[in-house]
Amino acid sequence: MKNKKFFIVTGIIAVLLVGGYIMYQESKKNKLASDQGESSDDGTGFTSGSSEKAKSGSQAKIITNFDSVWDYKLENGAWYTKKKTSSTWLDMKNVASDYNKAVAKLTDFMNK
């Protein structure tokens, strides 16, 4: 009986520790994003943070829910992408295997 209680308590503690670690990592990610001036996703998958203002004064459109690996940004008519784990935006013309097809899909996604 003591062993059974021990394993149950140990399992609960392990779950709490893992959950706490995940929440800690998420809060670090959110703090990093806010320190960089990025706004958080409002649930639509699009953000327009004040730090993303283009030189012309318009705000960038950022797509965060198109897929689970990449984020996409449209700024001044140019498309950029970055891995969700990165803070560096890459020009899609330099990294997309079929730039026109990728832009067409993203544009359709934005217009839905």
Protein backbone atom coordinates (compact mmCIF):
# COMPACT_ATOMS: atom_id res chain seq x y z
CA MET A 1 0.00 0.00 0.00
CA LYS A 2 2.83 2.39 0.84
CA ASN A 3 4.50 1.66 -2.51
CA LYS A 4 1.29 2.41 -4.39
CA LYS A 5 0.87 5.77 -2.63
CA PHE A 6 4.53 6.57 -3.23
CA PHE A 7 4.20 5.95 -6.98
CA ILE A 8 0.99 7.97 -7.20
CA VAL A 9 2.51 10.93 -5.33
CA THR A 10 5.71 10.66 -7.37
CA GLY A 11 3.69 10.63 -10.61
CA ILE A 12 1.70 13.69 -9.57
CA ILE A 13 4.88 15.57 -8.65
CA ALA A 14 6.45 14.64 -11.99
CA VAL A 15 3.39 15.92 -13.89
CA LEU A 16 3.45 19.18 -11.93
CA LEU A 17 7.16 19.64 -12.56
CA VAL A 18 6.80 19.03 -16.30
CA GLY A 19 3.81 21.37 -16.49
CA GLY A 20 5.69 24.03 -14.54
CA TYR A 21 8.70 23.68 -16.84
CA ILE A 22 6.50 24.07 -19.94
CA MET A 23 4.84 27.17 -18.48
CA TYR A 24 8.28 28.59 -17.57
CA GLN A 25 9.56 28.06 -21.13
CA GLU A 26 6.41 29.64 -22.57
CA SER A 27 6.76 32.67 -20.31
CA LYS A 28 10.43 33.04 -21.35
CA LYS A 29 9.37 32.93 -25.00
CA ASN A 30 6.66 35.55 -24.42
CA LYS A 31 9.08 37.76 -22.47
CA LEU A 32 11.60 37.52 -25.30
CA ALA A 33 8.93 38.45 -27.84
CA SER A 34 7.80 41.44 -25.77
CA ASP A 35 11.41 42.55 -25.24
CA GLN A 36 11.84 42.51 -29.01
CA GLY A 37 8.70 44.59 -29.39
CA GLU A 38 6.62 41.89 -31.02
CA SER A 39 2.96 41.64 -30.17
CA SER A 40 1.36 38.33 -29.32
CA ASP A 41 -1.05 36.40 -31.49
CA ASP A 42 -4.64 37.54 -30.92
CA GLY A 43 -6.08 34.15 -31.88
CA THR A 44 -6.57 34.98 -35.55
CA GLY A 45 -3.04 33.95 -36.48
CA PHE A 46 -2.17 37.49 -37.48
CA THR A 47 -0.26 40.06 -35.51
CA SER A 48 0.76 43.60 -36.24
CA GLY A 49 3.16 44.78 -33.61
CA SER A 50 4.34 48.34 -33.36
CA SER A 51 7.94 47.23 -33.87
CA GLU A 52 6.91 45.79 -37.23
CA LYS A 53 6.08 49.21 -38.67
CA ALA A 54 7.49 49.57 -42.12
CA LYS A 55 9.45 52.66 -43.07
CA SER A 56 6.43 53.95 -44.95
CA GLY A 57 4.43 53.85 -41.70
CA SER A 58 2.28 50.81 -42.51
CA GLN A 59 2.35 47.79 -40.23
CA ALA A 60 3.59 44.38 -41.23
CA LYS A 61 1.16 41.46 -41.34
CA ILE A 62 2.46 38.36 -39.58
CA ILE A 63 0.89 34.93 -40.06
CA THR A 64 1.54 32.56 -37.17
CA ASN A 65 -1.01 29.79 -37.76
CA PHE A 66 -0.39 28.73 -41.37
CA ASP A 67 1.73 25.78 -40.23
CA SER A 68 3.42 24.49 -37.09
CA VAL A 69 7.05 25.24 -38.04
CA TRP A 70 7.21 28.62 -39.78
CA ASP A 71 5.85 32.17 -39.33
CA TYR A 72 5.36 34.46 -42.31
CA LYS A 73 5.48 38.23 -42.63
CA LEU A 74 4.33 40.59 -45.37
CA GLU A 75 6.04 43.96 -45.12
CA ASN A 76 6.16 46.63 -47.84
CA GLY A 77 5.06 44.06 -50.43
CA ALA A 78 7.89 41.66 -49.57
CA TRP A 79 7.38 38.25 -47.93
CA TYR A 80 9.61 36.98 -45.13
CA THR A 81 9.67 33.76 -43.13
CA LYS A 82 11.26 32.50 -39.95
CA LYS A 83 11.17 29.35 -37.90
CA LYS A 84 8.92 29.77 -34.88
CA THR A 85 11.97 29.15 -32.68
CA SER A 86 14.02 31.88 -34.38
CA SER A 87 13.96 35.65 -34.25
CA THR A 88 15.62 36.14 -37.65
CA TRP A 89 13.37 36.88 -40.64
CA LEU A 90 14.54 35.53 -44.01
CA ASP A 91 13.53 36.91 -47.40
CA MET A 92 11.30 34.23 -48.92
CA LYS A 93 12.68 34.91 -52.41
CA ASN A 94 15.97 33.48 -51.17
CA VAL A 95 14.59 30.43 -49.33
CA ALA A 96 11.33 29.31 -50.96
CA SER A 97 11.71 26.62 -53.61
CA ASP A 98 8.66 27.99 -55.48
CA TYR A 99 8.26 31.58 -54.29
CA ASN A 100 5.24 32.43 -56.46
CA LYS A 101 3.30 29.33 -55.36
CA ALA A 102 4.13 30.01 -51.68
CA VAL A 103 3.01 33.64 -51.95
CA ALA A 104 -0.22 32.60 -53.69
CA LYS A 105 -1.03 30.15 -50.86
CA LEU A 106 -0.24 32.72 -48.17
CA THR A 107 -2.31 35.40 -49.93
CA ASP A 108 -5.26 33.00 -50.20
CA PHE A 109 -4.85 32.15 -46.52
CA MET A 110 -4.87 35.83 -45.55
CA ASN A 111 -8.01 36.50 -47.59
CA LYS A 112 -10.07 33.71 -45.98
